[in-house]
Amino acid sequence: MPAMECLVKTTDPVRLTLLQALLSDAQIPYQIFDQHISSLEAGIGVFPRRIMVRTGWLRPSRNLLADEGQLYDD
């Protein structure tokens, strides 16, 4: 399996949707890690979801999110 790196962490489900849309529109493959932790945390949203990209996609994905003002963890 190719190496994956964390692009962004967020606890905001609306922002997560925005980030997914940006990456999908740019045809950048990604995976969401920790998305199902909500079943363990009773849906209170304290654990961040991580958007992961392959190492080769890290720079273009960071550039994309920086251009959109979305390259930060919350």
C-alpha atoms as a PDB file:
ATOM      1  CA  MET A   1       0.000   0.000   0.000  1.00  0.00           C
ATOM      2  CA  PRO A   2       1.392   3.443  -0.909  1.00  0.00           C
ATOM      3  CA  ALA A   3       2.365   5.771   1.915  1.00  0.00           C
ATOM      4  CA  MET A   4      -0.370   8.171   3.020  1.00  0.00           C
ATOM      5  CA  GLU A   5       0.091  11.519   4.756  1.00  0.00           C
ATOM      6  CA  CYS A   6      -2.313  13.675   6.696  1.00  0.00           C
ATOM      7  CA  LEU A   7      -3.405  16.730   4.750  1.00  0.00           C
ATOM      8  CA  VAL A   8      -5.910  18.279   7.175  1.00  0.00           C
ATOM      9  CA  LYS A   9      -7.668  17.398  10.433  1.00  0.00           C
ATOM     10  CA  THR A  10     -11.116  18.759  11.184  1.00  0.00           C
ATOM     11  CA  THR A  11     -13.974  18.223  13.618  1.00  0.00           C
ATOM     12  CA  ASP A  12     -16.366  20.308  11.486  1.00  0.00           C
ATOM     13  CA  PRO A  13     -18.584  18.072   9.309  1.00  0.00           C
ATOM     14  CA  VAL A  14     -19.526  20.974   7.010  1.00  0.00           C
ATOM     15  CA  ARG A  15     -15.872  21.830   6.408  1.00  0.00           C
ATOM     16  CA  LEU A  16     -15.115  18.168   5.831  1.00  0.00           C
ATOM     17  CA  THR A  17     -17.695  18.159   3.045  1.00  0.00           C
ATOM     18  CA  LEU A  18     -16.156  21.306   1.543  1.00  0.00           C
ATOM     19  CA  LEU A  19     -12.668  19.804   1.614  1.00  0.00           C
ATOM     20  CA  GLN A  20     -13.901  16.619  -0.010  1.00  0.00           C
ATOM     21  CA  ALA A  21     -15.595  18.630  -2.770  1.00  0.00           C
ATOM     22  CA  LEU A  22     -12.441  20.665  -3.436  1.00  0.00           C
ATOM     23  CA  LEU A  23     -10.268  17.566  -3.678  1.00  0.00           C
ATOM     24  CA  SER A  24     -12.800  15.677  -5.803  1.00  0.00           C
ATOM     25  CA  ASP A  25     -13.204  18.588  -8.220  1.00  0.00           C
ATOM     26  CA  ALA A  26      -9.414  18.691  -8.627  1.00  0.00           C
ATOM     27  CA  GLN A  27      -9.400  14.893  -9.129  1.00  0.00           C
ATOM     28  CA  ILE A  28      -7.044  14.405  -6.193  1.00  0.00           C
ATOM     29  CA  PRO A  29      -7.533  10.967  -4.618  1.00  0.00           C
ATOM     30  CA  TYR A  30      -7.966  10.986  -0.850  1.00  0.00           C
ATOM     31  CA  GLN A  31      -9.300   8.938   2.044  1.00  0.00           C
ATOM     32  CA  ILE A  32     -11.005   9.999   5.256  1.00  0.00           C
ATOM     33  CA  PHE A  33      -9.559   8.392   8.377  1.00  0.00           C
ATOM     34  CA  ASP A  34     -11.377   8.244  11.726  1.00  0.00           C
ATOM     35  CA  GLN A  35     -14.746   8.915  10.081  1.00  0.00           C
ATOM     36  CA  HIS A  36     -16.466   6.128  12.001  1.00  0.00           C
ATOM     37  CA  ILE A  37     -15.139   7.107  15.416  1.00  0.00           C
ATOM     38  CA  SER A  38     -18.421   8.968  15.974  1.00  0.00           C
ATOM     39  CA  SER A  39     -20.053   5.655  16.822  1.00  0.00           C
ATOM     40  CA  LEU A  40     -17.657   5.399  19.761  1.00  0.00           C
ATOM     41  CA  GLU A  41     -17.838   9.041  20.828  1.00  0.00           C
ATOM     42  CA  ALA A  42     -21.670   9.241  20.809  1.00  0.00           C
ATOM     43  CA  GLY A  43     -21.641  11.707  17.902  1.00  0.00           C
ATOM     44  CA  ILE A  44     -20.281  14.685  19.870  1.00  0.00           C
ATOM     45  CA  GLY A  45     -17.581  15.447  17.289  1.00  0.00           C
ATOM     46  CA  VAL A  46     -14.523  15.825  19.521  1.00  0.00           C
ATOM     47  CA  PHE A  47     -12.260  13.535  17.509  1.00  0.00           C
ATOM     48  CA  PRO A  48     -10.948  15.089  14.296  1.00  0.00           C
ATOM     49  CA  ARG A  49     -11.382  13.357  10.978  1.00  0.00           C
ATOM     50  CA  ARG A  50      -8.185  13.178   8.946  1.00  0.00           C
ATOM     51  CA  ILE A  51      -8.044  13.713   5.209  1.00  0.00           C
ATOM     52  CA  MET A  52      -5.222  11.551   3.942  1.00  0.00           C
ATOM     53  CA  VAL A  53      -3.522  11.683   0.549  1.00  0.00           C
ATOM     54  CA  ARG A  54      -0.756   9.640  -0.997  1.00  0.00           C
ATOM     55  CA  THR A  55       2.676  11.164  -0.571  1.00  0.00           C
ATOM     56  CA  GLY A  56       2.875  12.055  -4.275  1.00  0.00           C
ATOM     57  CA  TRP A  57      -0.351  14.080  -4.033  1.00  0.00           C
ATOM     58  CA  LEU A  58       0.601  15.977  -0.884  1.00  0.00           C
ATOM     59  CA  ARG A  59       2.107  19.061  -2.531  1.00  0.00           C
ATOM     60  CA  PRO A  60      -0.665  19.608  -5.116  1.00  0.00           C
ATOM     61  CA  SER A  61      -3.350  19.064  -2.491  1.00  0.00           C
ATOM     62  CA  ARG A  62      -1.673  21.495  -0.076  1.00  0.00           C
ATOM     63  CA  ASN A  63      -1.402  24.082  -2.844  1.00  0.00           C
ATOM     64  CA  LEU A  64      -5.080  23.656  -3.685  1.00  0.00           C
ATOM     65  CA  LEU A  65      -6.233  24.063  -0.089  1.00  0.00           C
ATOM     66  CA  ALA A  66      -3.861  26.986   0.510  1.00  0.00           C
ATOM     67  CA  ASP A  67      -5.308  28.775  -2.535  1.00  0.00           C
ATOM     68  CA  GLU A  68      -8.795  28.257  -1.075  1.00  0.00           C
ATOM     69  CA  GLY A  69      -7.750  29.385   2.431  1.00  0.00           C
ATOM     70  CA  GLN A  70      -8.461  25.912   3.825  1.00  0.00           C
ATOM     71  CA  LEU A  71      -4.987  24.624   4.694  1.00  0.00           C
ATOM     72  CA  TYR A  72      -5.326  24.484   8.473  1.00  0.00           C
ATOM     73  CA  ASP A  73      -6.381  22.051  11.198  1.00  0.00           C
ATOM     74  CA  ASP A  74      -9.340  22.810  13.434  1.00  0.00           C
END
